[in-house]
PDB file of N, CA and C in Angstrom:
ATOM      1  N   THR A   1       0.841  -1.186   0.000  1.00  0.00           N
ATOM      2  CA  THR A   1       0.000   0.000   0.000  1.00  0.00           C
ATOM      3  C   THR A   1       0.884   1.247   0.000  1.00  0.00           C
ATOM      4  N   GLU A   2       0.399   2.260  -0.632  1.00  0.00           N
ATOM      5  CA  GLU A   2       1.151   3.511  -0.701  1.00  0.00           C
ATOM      6  C   GLU A   2       1.017   4.301   0.589  1.00  0.00           C
ATOM      7  N   GLN A   3       2.107   4.939   0.942  1.00  0.00           N
ATOM      8  CA  GLN A   3       2.101   5.828   2.102  1.00  0.00           C
ATOM      9  C   GLN A   3       1.432   7.144   1.697  1.00  0.00           C
ATOM     10  N   PRO A   4       0.685   7.760   2.583  1.00  0.00           N
ATOM     11  CA  PRO A   4       0.115   9.065   2.262  1.00  0.00           C
ATOM     12  C   PRO A   4       1.235  10.104   2.160  1.00  0.00           C
ATOM     13  N   ILE A   5       1.016  11.101   1.346  1.00  0.00           N
ATOM     14  CA  ILE A   5       1.990  12.172   1.194  1.00  0.00           C
ATOM     15  C   ILE A   5       1.930  13.053   2.433  1.00  0.00           C
ATOM     16  N   ARG A   6       3.083  13.211   3.102  1.00  0.00           N
ATOM     17  CA  ARG A   6       3.155  14.092   4.270  1.00  0.00           C
ATOM     18  C   ARG A   6       3.669  15.438   3.819  1.00  0.00           C
ATOM     19  N   LEU A   7       3.007  16.471   4.273  1.00  0.00           N
ATOM     20  CA  LEU A   7       3.386  17.832   3.933  1.00  0.00           C
ATOM     21  C   LEU A   7       3.938  18.524   5.170  1.00  0.00           C
ATOM     22  N   LEU A   8       5.015  19.297   4.976  1.00  0.00           N
ATOM     23  CA  LEU A   8       5.652  19.993   6.081  1.00  0.00           C
ATOM     24  C   LEU A   8       5.533  21.494   5.890  1.00  0.00           C
ATOM     25  N   ARG A   9       5.249  22.177   6.973  1.00  0.00           N
ATOM     26  CA  ARG A   9       5.212  23.640   6.945  1.00  0.00           C
ATOM     27  C   ARG A   9       6.579  24.176   7.348  1.00  0.00           C
ATOM     28  N   LEU A  10       6.777  25.460   7.177  1.00  0.00           N
ATOM     29  CA  LEU A  10       8.074  26.077   7.403  1.00  0.00           C
ATOM     30  C   LEU A  10       8.665  25.794   8.784  1.00  0.00           C
ATOM     31  N   PRO A  11       7.917  25.877   9.874  1.00  0.00           N
ATOM     32  CA  PRO A  11       8.542  25.595  11.172  1.00  0.00           C
ATOM     33  C   PRO A  11       9.197  24.208  11.243  1.00  0.00           C
ATOM     34  N   GLU A  12       8.580  23.216  10.621  1.00  0.00           N
ATOM     35  CA  GLU A  12       9.159  21.874  10.611  1.00  0.00           C
ATOM     36  C   GLU A  12      10.410  21.837   9.735  1.00  0.00           C
ATOM     37  N   ILE A  13      10.399  22.530   8.615  1.00  0.00           N
ATOM     38  CA  ILE A  13      11.581  22.604   7.747  1.00  0.00           C
ATOM     39  C   ILE A  13      12.733  23.222   8.528  1.00  0.00           C
ATOM     40  N   LEU A  14      12.473  24.291   9.245  1.00  0.00           N
ATOM     41  CA  LEU A  14      13.521  24.980   9.998  1.00  0.00           C
ATOM     42  C   LEU A  14      14.057  24.119  11.143  1.00  0.00           C
ATOM     43  N   ARG A  15      13.254  23.196  11.666  1.00  0.00           N
ATOM     44  CA  ARG A  15      13.740  22.263  12.692  1.00  0.00           C
ATOM     45  C   ARG A  15      14.642  21.194  12.086  1.00  0.00           C
ATOM     46  N   ARG A  16      14.353  20.805  10.853  1.00  0.00           N
ATOM     47  CA  ARG A  16      15.100  19.723  10.210  1.00  0.00           C
ATOM     48  C   ARG A  16      16.365  20.215   9.495  1.00  0.00           C
ATOM     49  N   VAL A  17      16.307  21.425   8.970  1.00  0.00           N
ATOM     50  CA  VAL A  17      17.407  21.950   8.157  1.00  0.00           C
ATOM     51  C   VAL A  17      17.986  23.171   8.865  1.00  0.00           C
ATOM     52  N   PRO A  18      19.272  23.170   9.186  1.00  0.00           N
ATOM     53  CA  PRO A  18      19.856  24.263   9.967  1.00  0.00           C
ATOM     54  C   PRO A  18      20.191  25.499   9.130  1.00  0.00           C
ATOM     55  N   TYR A  19      19.250  25.959   8.343  1.00  0.00           N
ATOM     56  CA  TYR A  19      19.407  27.159   7.529  1.00  0.00           C
ATOM     57  C   TYR A  19      18.323  28.151   7.909  1.00  0.00           C
ATOM     58  N   SER A  20      18.573  29.406   7.599  1.00  0.00           N
ATOM     59  CA  SER A  20      17.547  30.427   7.816  1.00  0.00           C
ATOM     60  C   SER A  20      16.485  30.315   6.713  1.00  0.00           C
ATOM     61  N   GLU A  21      15.360  30.937   6.965  1.00  0.00           N
ATOM     62  CA  GLU A  21      14.293  30.953   5.965  1.00  0.00           C
ATOM     63  C   GLU A  21      14.782  31.601   4.672  1.00  0.00           C
ATOM     64  N   ALA A  22      15.537  32.689   4.794  1.00  0.00           N
ATOM     65  CA  ALA A  22      16.050  33.392   3.611  1.00  0.00           C
ATOM     66  C   ALA A  22      17.002  32.506   2.814  1.00  0.00           C
ATOM     67  N   HIS A  23      17.849  31.750   3.498  1.00  0.00           N
ATOM     68  CA  HIS A  23      18.798  30.883   2.797  1.00  0.00           C
ATOM     69  C   HIS A  23      18.070  29.742   2.089  1.00  0.00           C
ATOM     70  N   ILE A  24      17.062  29.183   2.721  1.00  0.00           N
ATOM     71  CA  ILE A  24      16.261  28.145   2.073  1.00  0.00           C
ATOM     72  C   ILE A  24      15.612  28.701   0.820  1.00  0.00           C
ATOM     73  N   TRP A  25      15.087  29.894   0.895  1.00  0.00           N
ATOM     74  CA  TRP A  25      14.452  30.540  -0.259  1.00  0.00           C
ATOM     75  C   TRP A  25      15.467  30.722  -1.388  1.00  0.00           C
ATOM     76  N   ARG A  26      16.690  31.180  -1.048  1.00  0.00           N
ATOM     77  CA  ARG A  26      17.723  31.362  -2.074  1.00  0.00           C
ATOM     78  C   ARG A  26      18.114  30.031  -2.712  1.00  0.00           C
ATOM     79  N   LEU A  27      18.304  29.006  -1.887  1.00  0.00           N
ATOM     80  CA  LEU A  27      18.635  27.686  -2.428  1.00  0.00           C
ATOM     81  C   LEU A  27      17.526  27.168  -3.330  1.00  0.00           C
ATOM     82  N   GLU A  28      16.313  27.360  -2.912  1.00  0.00           N
ATOM     83  CA  GLU A  28      15.161  26.899  -3.693  1.00  0.00           C
ATOM     84  C   GLU A  28      15.128  27.589  -5.060  1.00  0.00           C
ATOM     85  N   ARG A  29      15.337  28.891  -5.058  1.00  0.00           N
ATOM     86  CA  ARG A  29      15.335  29.640  -6.329  1.00  0.00           C
ATOM     87  C   ARG A  29      16.462  29.201  -7.245  1.00  0.00           C
ATOM     88  N   ALA A  30      17.593  28.786  -6.671  1.00  0.00           N
ATOM     89  CA  ALA A  30      18.752  28.355  -7.456  1.00  0.00           C
ATOM     90  C   ALA A  30      18.666  26.878  -7.857  1.00  0.00           C
ATOM     91  N   GLY A  31      17.620  26.177  -7.410  1.00  0.00           N
ATOM     92  CA  GLY A  31      17.459  24.769  -7.738  1.00  0.00           C
ATOM     93  C   GLY A  31      18.211  23.837  -6.808  1.00  0.00           C
ATOM     94  N   GLY A  32      18.654  24.354  -5.652  1.00  0.00           N
ATOM     95  CA  GLY A  32      19.421  23.545  -4.722  1.00  0.00           C
ATOM     96  C   GLY A  32      18.648  23.062  -3.519  1.00  0.00           C
ATOM     97  N   PHE A  33      17.344  23.210  -3.540  1.00  0.00           N
ATOM     98  CA  PHE A  33      16.499  22.773  -2.429  1.00  0.00           C
ATOM     99  C   PHE A  33      15.132  22.424  -3.017  1.00  0.00           C
ATOM    100  N   PRO A  34      14.443  21.428  -2.457  1.00  0.00           N
ATOM    101  CA  PRO A  34      13.116  21.065  -2.983  1.00  0.00           C
ATOM    102  C   PRO A  34      12.173  22.275  -3.011  1.00  0.00           C
ATOM    103  N   ARG A  35      11.367  22.331  -4.048  1.00  0.00           N
ATOM    104  CA  ARG A  35      10.449  23.454  -4.217  1.00  0.00           C
ATOM    105  C   ARG A  35       9.216  23.307  -3.335  1.00  0.00           C
ATOM    106  N   ARG A  36       8.767  24.424  -2.859  1.00  0.00           N
ATOM    107  CA  ARG A  36       7.547  24.448  -2.044  1.00  0.00           C
ATOM    108  C   ARG A  36       6.315  24.339  -2.940  1.00  0.00           C
ATOM    109  N   ALA A  37       5.216  23.937  -2.350  1.00  0.00           N
ATOM    110  CA  ALA A  37       3.928  23.887  -3.043  1.00  0.00           C
ATOM    111  C   ALA A  37       3.013  24.906  -2.393  1.00  0.00           C
ATOM    112  N   HIS A  38       2.320  25.668  -3.206  1.00  0.00           N
ATOM    113  CA  HIS A  38       1.374  26.670  -2.716  1.00  0.00           C
ATOM    114  C   HIS A  38      -0.013  26.034  -2.649  1.00  0.00           C
ATOM    115  N   LEU A  39      -0.533  25.907  -1.441  1.00  0.00           N
ATOM    116  CA  LEU A  39      -1.858  25.313  -1.257  1.00  0.00           C
ATOM    117  C   LEU A  39      -2.956  26.363  -1.243  1.00  0.00           C
ATOM    118  N   GLY A  40      -2.580  27.581  -1.007  1.00  0.00           N
ATOM    119  CA  GLY A  40      -3.537  28.675  -0.949  1.00  0.00           C
ATOM    120  C   GLY A  40      -2.781  29.983  -0.935  1.00  0.00           C
ATOM    121  N   ALA A  41      -3.495  31.056  -0.775  1.00  0.00           N
ATOM    122  CA  ALA A  41      -2.879  32.378  -0.821  1.00  0.00           C
ATOM    123  C   ALA A  41      -1.814  32.557   0.259  1.00  0.00           C
ATOM    124  N   ASN A  42      -2.023  31.995   1.423  1.00  0.00           N
ATOM    125  CA  ASN A  42      -1.094  32.174   2.534  1.00  0.00           C
ATOM    126  C   ASN A  42      -0.587  30.860   3.120  1.00  0.00           C
ATOM    127  N   ARG A  43      -0.530  29.818   2.297  1.00  0.00           N
ATOM    128  CA  ARG A  43      -0.114  28.520   2.822  1.00  0.00           C
ATOM    129  C   ARG A  43       0.841  27.853   1.839  1.00  0.00           C
ATOM    130  N   VAL A  44       2.063  27.605   2.304  1.00  0.00           N
ATOM    131  CA  VAL A  44       3.024  26.855   1.506  1.00  0.00           C
ATOM    132  C   VAL A  44       3.502  25.656   2.311  1.00  0.00           C
ATOM    133  N   VAL A  45       3.829  24.582   1.606  1.00  0.00           N
ATOM    134  CA  VAL A  45       4.289  23.344   2.233  1.00  0.00           C
ATOM    135  C   VAL A  45       5.370  22.722   1.361  1.00  0.00           C
ATOM    136  N   TRP A  46       6.106  21.808   1.962  1.00  0.00           N
ATOM    137  CA  TRP A  46       7.092  21.002   1.243  1.00  0.00           C
ATOM    138  C   TRP A  46       6.695  19.549   1.424  1.00  0.00           C
ATOM    139  N   VAL A  47       7.045  18.720   0.452  1.00  0.00           N
ATOM    140  CA  VAL A  47       6.769  17.293   0.537  1.00  0.00           C
ATOM    141  C   VAL A  47       7.878  16.654   1.383  1.00  0.00           C
ATOM    142  N   GLU A  48       7.488  15.980   2.450  1.00  0.00           N
ATOM    143  CA  GLU A  48       8.457  15.412   3.387  1.00  0.00           C
ATOM    144  C   GLU A  48       9.441  14.480   2.697  1.00  0.00           C
ATOM    145  N   ALA A  49       8.980  13.640   1.777  1.00  0.00           N
ATOM    146  CA  ALA A  49       9.867  12.690   1.101  1.00  0.00           C
ATOM    147  C   ALA A  49      10.946  13.426   0.310  1.00  0.00           C
ATOM    148  N   GLU A  50      10.613  14.566  -0.287  1.00  0.00           N
ATOM    149  CA  GLU A  50      11.599  15.346  -1.032  1.00  0.00           C
ATOM    150  C   GLU A  50      12.631  15.966  -0.097  1.00  0.00           C
ATOM    151  N   ILE A  51      12.203  16.411   1.067  1.00  0.00           N
ATOM    152  CA  ILE A  51      13.134  16.966   2.053  1.00  0.00           C
ATOM    153  C   ILE A  51      14.047  15.863   2.569  1.00  0.00           C
ATOM    154  N   ASP A  52      13.481  14.698   2.873  1.00  0.00           N
ATOM    155  CA  ASP A  52      14.285  13.571   3.351  1.00  0.00           C
ATOM    156  C   ASP A  52      15.315  13.157   2.308  1.00  0.00           C
ATOM    157  N   GLU A  53      14.920  13.112   1.039  1.00  0.00           N
ATOM    158  CA  GLU A  53      15.844  12.754  -0.032  1.00  0.00           C
ATOM    159  C   GLU A  53      16.963  13.792  -0.155  1.00  0.00           C
ATOM    160  N   TRP A  54      16.624  15.065  -0.059  1.00  0.00           N
ATOM    161  CA  TRP A  54      17.618  16.145  -0.127  1.00  0.00           C
ATOM    162  C   TRP A  54      18.633  15.991   1.009  1.00  0.00           C
ATOM    163  N   LEU A  55      18.137  15.725   2.223  1.00  0.00           N
ATOM    164  CA  LEU A  55      19.034  15.532   3.363  1.00  0.00           C
ATOM    165  C   LEU A  55      19.946  14.319   3.159  1.00  0.00           C
ATOM    166  N   CYS A  56      19.408  13.233   2.663  1.00  0.00           N
ATOM    167  CA  CYS A  56      20.215  12.030   2.412  1.00  0.00           C
ATOM    168  C   CYS A  56      21.306  12.316   1.383  1.00  0.00           C
ATOM    169  N   CYS A  57      20.978  13.075   0.346  1.00  0.00           N
ATOM    170  CA  CYS A  57      21.979  13.430  -0.666  1.00  0.00           C
ATOM    171  C   CYS A  57      23.076  14.298  -0.065  1.00  0.00           C
ATOM    172  N   LYS A  58      22.708  15.235   0.786  1.00  0.00           N
ATOM    173  CA  LYS A  58      23.700  16.087   1.438  1.00  0.00           C
ATOM    174  C   LYS A  58      24.621  15.259   2.329  1.00  0.00           C
ATOM    175  N   LEU A  59      24.053  14.305   3.043  1.00  0.00           N
ATOM    176  CA  LEU A  59      24.869  13.443   3.900  1.00  0.00           C
ATOM    177  C   LEU A  59      25.762  12.526   3.071  1.00  0.00           C
ATOM    178  N   ALA A  60      25.274  12.063   1.926  1.00  0.00           N
ATOM    179  CA  ALA A  60      26.073  11.201   1.062  1.00  0.00           C
ATOM    180  C   ALA A  60      27.255  11.962   0.460  1.00  0.00           C
ATOM    181  N   GLU A  61      27.103  13.258   0.234  1.00  0.00           N
ATOM    182  CA  GLU A  61      28.177  14.076  -0.332  1.00  0.00           C
ATOM    183  C   GLU A  61      29.410  14.094   0.565  1.00  0.00           C
ATOM    184  N   ARG A  62      29.227  13.976   1.853  1.00  0.00           N
ATOM    185  CA  ARG A  62      30.364  14.026   2.755  1.00  0.00           C
ATOM    186  C   ARG A  62      31.244  12.782   2.622  1.00  0.00           C
ATOM    187  N   ASN A  63      30.701  11.714   2.081  1.00  0.00           N
ATOM    188  CA  ASN A  63      31.459  10.477   1.929  1.00  0.00           C
ATOM    189  C   ASN A  63      32.219  10.397   0.603  1.00  0.00           C
ATOM    190  N   GLN A  64      32.113  11.409  -0.211  1.00  0.00           N
ATOM    191  CA  GLN A  64      32.776  11.388  -1.514  1.00  0.00           C
ATOM    192  C   GLN A  64      34.106  12.097  -1.468  1.00  0.00           C
TER     193      GLN A  64
END
């Protein structure tokens, strides 16, 4: 069975990734961070699986 898609809001992203909101925004614009999804006029989220994959790739880079 498929797992439901988990969505994360900014406070959770900031707990998982030790960057400022501005730095995450810059990385996202440059293609270096998963893109947010706009659910409404004032609501943005990230897909948890994409954040987890990004973190795993960053950790794998240290072994190269």
